[in-house]
Amino acid sequence: MKSIKISVFVFMLFAALKGNAQTENSKPEITQITETLMNYIEGTANGEPDRLKKAFHPNFNLYTVTGDSLRTRSGEKYIADIKPGEKTNRIGRIIAIDYEKDAATAKAEIVIPGWRVFTDYFLLLKYEGSWKIVHKSYTWREYPKSAEKK
């Protein structure tokens, strides 16, 4: 009888430890993807380059079209331009996330009142246990003048 009690106790102990061990991988995929995107959105808004490094793959690039020309910017340069602690007037929100297994796409809108509204498109991949942005394409439009009067 004593050995049964010990066995039950050991089993319950392992079950409790496993249940309480909250790791990155135990979170739902959508939560992990959202956290990666928020590291980008909040990292740029709050001047936190370390959060951007956490969100982006080291070799990522940004792409946009200006006129008829494709512009490519290195992620390294993009992150280097973020000044630590310098908050910006950026309001970001995630519009959509779609994923399958270890690949995801996402869309976000970044509003800079009085200037521009950016639409960002992301390709994310999960490797080594983490979701990383490996590609960002974006476009922008002028901030609507009617919004400034409200």
Protein backbone atom coordinates (compact mmCIF):
# COMPACT_ATOMS: atom_id res chain seq x y z
CA MET A 1 0.00 0.00 0.00
CA LYS A 2 2.84 2.35 0.86
CA SER A 3 4.48 1.81 -2.56
CA ILE A 4 1.19 2.68 -4.31
CA LYS A 5 0.96 5.95 -2.37
CA ILE A 6 4.55 6.81 -3.28
CA SER A 7 3.92 5.96 -6.94
CA VAL A 8 0.78 8.11 -7.00
CA PHE A 9 2.64 10.96 -5.28
CA VAL A 10 5.55 10.80 -7.75
CA PHE A 11 3.14 10.70 -10.70
CA MET A 12 1.20 13.70 -9.37
CA LEU A 13 4.42 15.59 -8.72
CA PHE A 14 5.64 15.08 -12.31
CA ALA A 15 2.22 15.99 -13.68
CA ALA A 16 2.16 19.20 -11.65
CA LEU A 17 5.68 20.16 -12.68
CA LYS A 18 4.92 19.52 -16.33
CA GLY A 19 1.67 21.49 -16.11
CA ASN A 20 3.35 24.47 -14.46
CA ALA A 21 6.31 24.62 -16.83
CA GLN A 22 5.19 27.41 -19.16
CA THR A 23 7.55 27.52 -22.08
CA GLU A 24 7.50 29.48 -25.30
CA ASN A 25 6.53 26.32 -27.17
CA SER A 26 3.58 25.54 -24.91
CA LYS A 27 1.79 28.73 -25.98
CA PRO A 28 -0.62 28.47 -28.91
CA GLU A 29 1.00 29.26 -32.26
CA ILE A 30 -1.25 32.28 -32.82
CA THR A 31 -0.10 33.71 -29.47
CA GLN A 32 3.56 33.22 -30.36
CA ILE A 33 3.07 34.87 -33.77
CA THR A 34 1.20 37.77 -32.17
CA GLU A 35 4.01 38.26 -29.63
CA THR A 36 6.57 38.38 -32.45
CA LEU A 37 4.53 40.99 -34.32
CA MET A 38 4.02 43.03 -31.14
CA ASN A 39 7.79 43.00 -30.57
CA TYR A 40 8.05 44.71 -33.96
CA ILE A 41 5.14 47.14 -33.41
CA GLU A 42 6.03 48.13 -29.84
CA GLY A 43 9.78 47.94 -30.42
CA THR A 44 9.60 50.57 -33.16
CA ALA A 45 7.10 52.74 -31.26
CA ASN A 46 9.08 52.71 -28.01
CA GLY A 47 12.65 52.80 -29.32
CA GLU A 48 13.51 49.23 -28.31
CA PRO A 49 15.97 47.76 -30.85
CA ASP A 50 16.38 44.61 -28.74
CA ARG A 51 12.70 43.81 -29.25
CA LEU A 52 13.19 44.21 -33.00
CA LYS A 53 16.16 41.85 -32.89
CA LYS A 54 13.90 39.38 -31.11
CA ALA A 55 11.19 39.74 -33.79
CA PHE A 56 13.30 39.66 -36.95
CA HIS A 57 15.59 37.04 -38.42
CA PRO A 58 19.13 38.51 -38.60
CA ASN A 59 19.13 38.34 -42.42
CA PHE A 60 15.70 39.84 -43.09
CA ASN A 61 15.14 42.64 -45.58
CA LEU A 62 12.40 45.21 -46.10
CA TYR A 63 10.92 45.86 -49.53
CA THR A 64 8.81 48.67 -50.97
CA VAL A 65 8.17 50.28 -54.32
CA THR A 66 8.90 53.97 -54.84
CA GLY A 67 7.69 55.20 -58.20
CA ASP A 68 8.49 52.22 -60.38
CA SER A 69 11.61 51.20 -58.47
CA LEU A 70 11.92 48.36 -56.01
CA ARG A 71 13.71 49.52 -52.88
CA THR A 72 15.40 47.03 -50.60
CA ARG A 73 16.64 47.91 -47.15
CA SER A 74 18.61 45.62 -44.90
CA GLY A 75 17.06 44.68 -41.60
CA GLU A 76 20.36 45.43 -39.92
CA LYS A 77 20.17 49.06 -41.13
CA TYR A 78 16.50 49.30 -40.18
CA ILE A 79 17.18 48.19 -36.60
CA ALA A 80 20.30 50.38 -36.36
CA ASP A 81 18.13 53.44 -37.14
CA ILE A 82 15.94 52.81 -34.07
CA LYS A 83 17.23 55.06 -31.31
CA PRO A 84 17.05 53.35 -27.89
CA GLY A 85 14.44 54.94 -25.64
CA GLU A 86 13.16 57.33 -28.32
CA LYS A 87 9.40 56.98 -28.48
CA THR A 88 7.70 57.73 -31.77
CA ASN A 89 4.15 58.70 -32.57
CA ARG A 90 3.32 55.34 -34.17
CA ILE A 91 0.06 53.53 -33.58
CA GLY A 92 0.18 49.92 -34.74
CA ARG A 93 -2.36 47.15 -34.96
CA ILE A 94 -2.38 43.64 -36.33
CA ILE A 95 -5.01 43.21 -39.02
CA ALA A 96 -4.60 39.55 -39.98
CA ILE A 97 -2.56 36.43 -39.29
CA ASP A 98 -2.65 33.19 -41.26
CA TYR A 99 -0.42 30.22 -40.55
CA GLU A 100 0.12 26.60 -41.38
CA LYS A 101 2.59 24.49 -39.41
CA ASP A 102 5.84 26.54 -39.42
CA ALA A 103 4.97 29.28 -41.95
CA ALA A 104 2.80 32.36 -41.46
CA THR A 105 1.76 35.57 -43.12
CA ALA A 106 0.55 38.66 -41.34
CA LYS A 107 -0.72 42.14 -42.10
CA ALA A 108 -0.39 45.17 -39.85
CA GLU A 109 -1.27 48.83 -40.07
CA ILE A 110 0.99 51.50 -38.63
CA VAL A 111 -0.49 54.99 -38.35
CA ILE A 112 1.74 58.01 -37.90
CA PRO A 113 -0.81 60.79 -37.30
CA GLY A 114 -0.33 63.84 -39.48
CA TRP A 115 2.01 62.00 -41.87
CA ARG A 116 1.37 58.50 -43.22
CA VAL A 117 -0.50 55.24 -42.84
CA PHE A 118 1.70 52.21 -43.53
CA THR A 119 0.44 48.76 -44.45
CA ASP A 120 3.01 46.07 -43.62
CA TYR A 121 2.98 42.52 -44.96
CA PHE A 122 5.11 39.92 -43.19
CA LEU A 123 6.36 36.43 -43.90
CA LEU A 124 7.23 34.59 -40.69
CA LEU A 125 8.86 31.20 -40.20
CA LYS A 126 9.18 29.14 -37.05
CA TYR A 127 12.56 27.61 -36.56
CA GLU A 128 14.64 26.73 -33.53
CA GLY A 129 11.41 27.00 -31.52
CA SER A 130 10.63 30.66 -32.29
CA TRP A 131 8.65 32.63 -34.84
CA LYS A 132 10.76 35.17 -36.72
CA ILE A 133 9.88 37.75 -39.35
CA VAL A 134 12.00 36.84 -42.37
CA HIS A 135 10.50 39.30 -44.85
CA LYS A 136 8.63 42.60 -44.64
CA SER A 137 7.02 44.36 -47.59
CA TYR A 138 5.18 47.60 -47.09
CA THR A 139 3.31 50.38 -48.77
CA TRP A 140 1.98 53.67 -47.48
CA ARG A 141 -0.53 56.41 -48.13
CA GLU A 142 -0.79 59.95 -46.87
CA TYR A 143 -2.52 60.39 -43.54
CA PRO A 144 -6.06 61.58 -44.33
CA LYS A 145 -6.49 65.32 -43.79
CA SER A 146 -10.05 64.71 -42.58
CA ALA A 147 -8.69 62.67 -39.65
CA GLU A 148 -6.65 65.66 -38.44
CA LYS A 149 -9.78 67.77 -37.94
CA LYS A 150 -11.49 65.28 -35.61
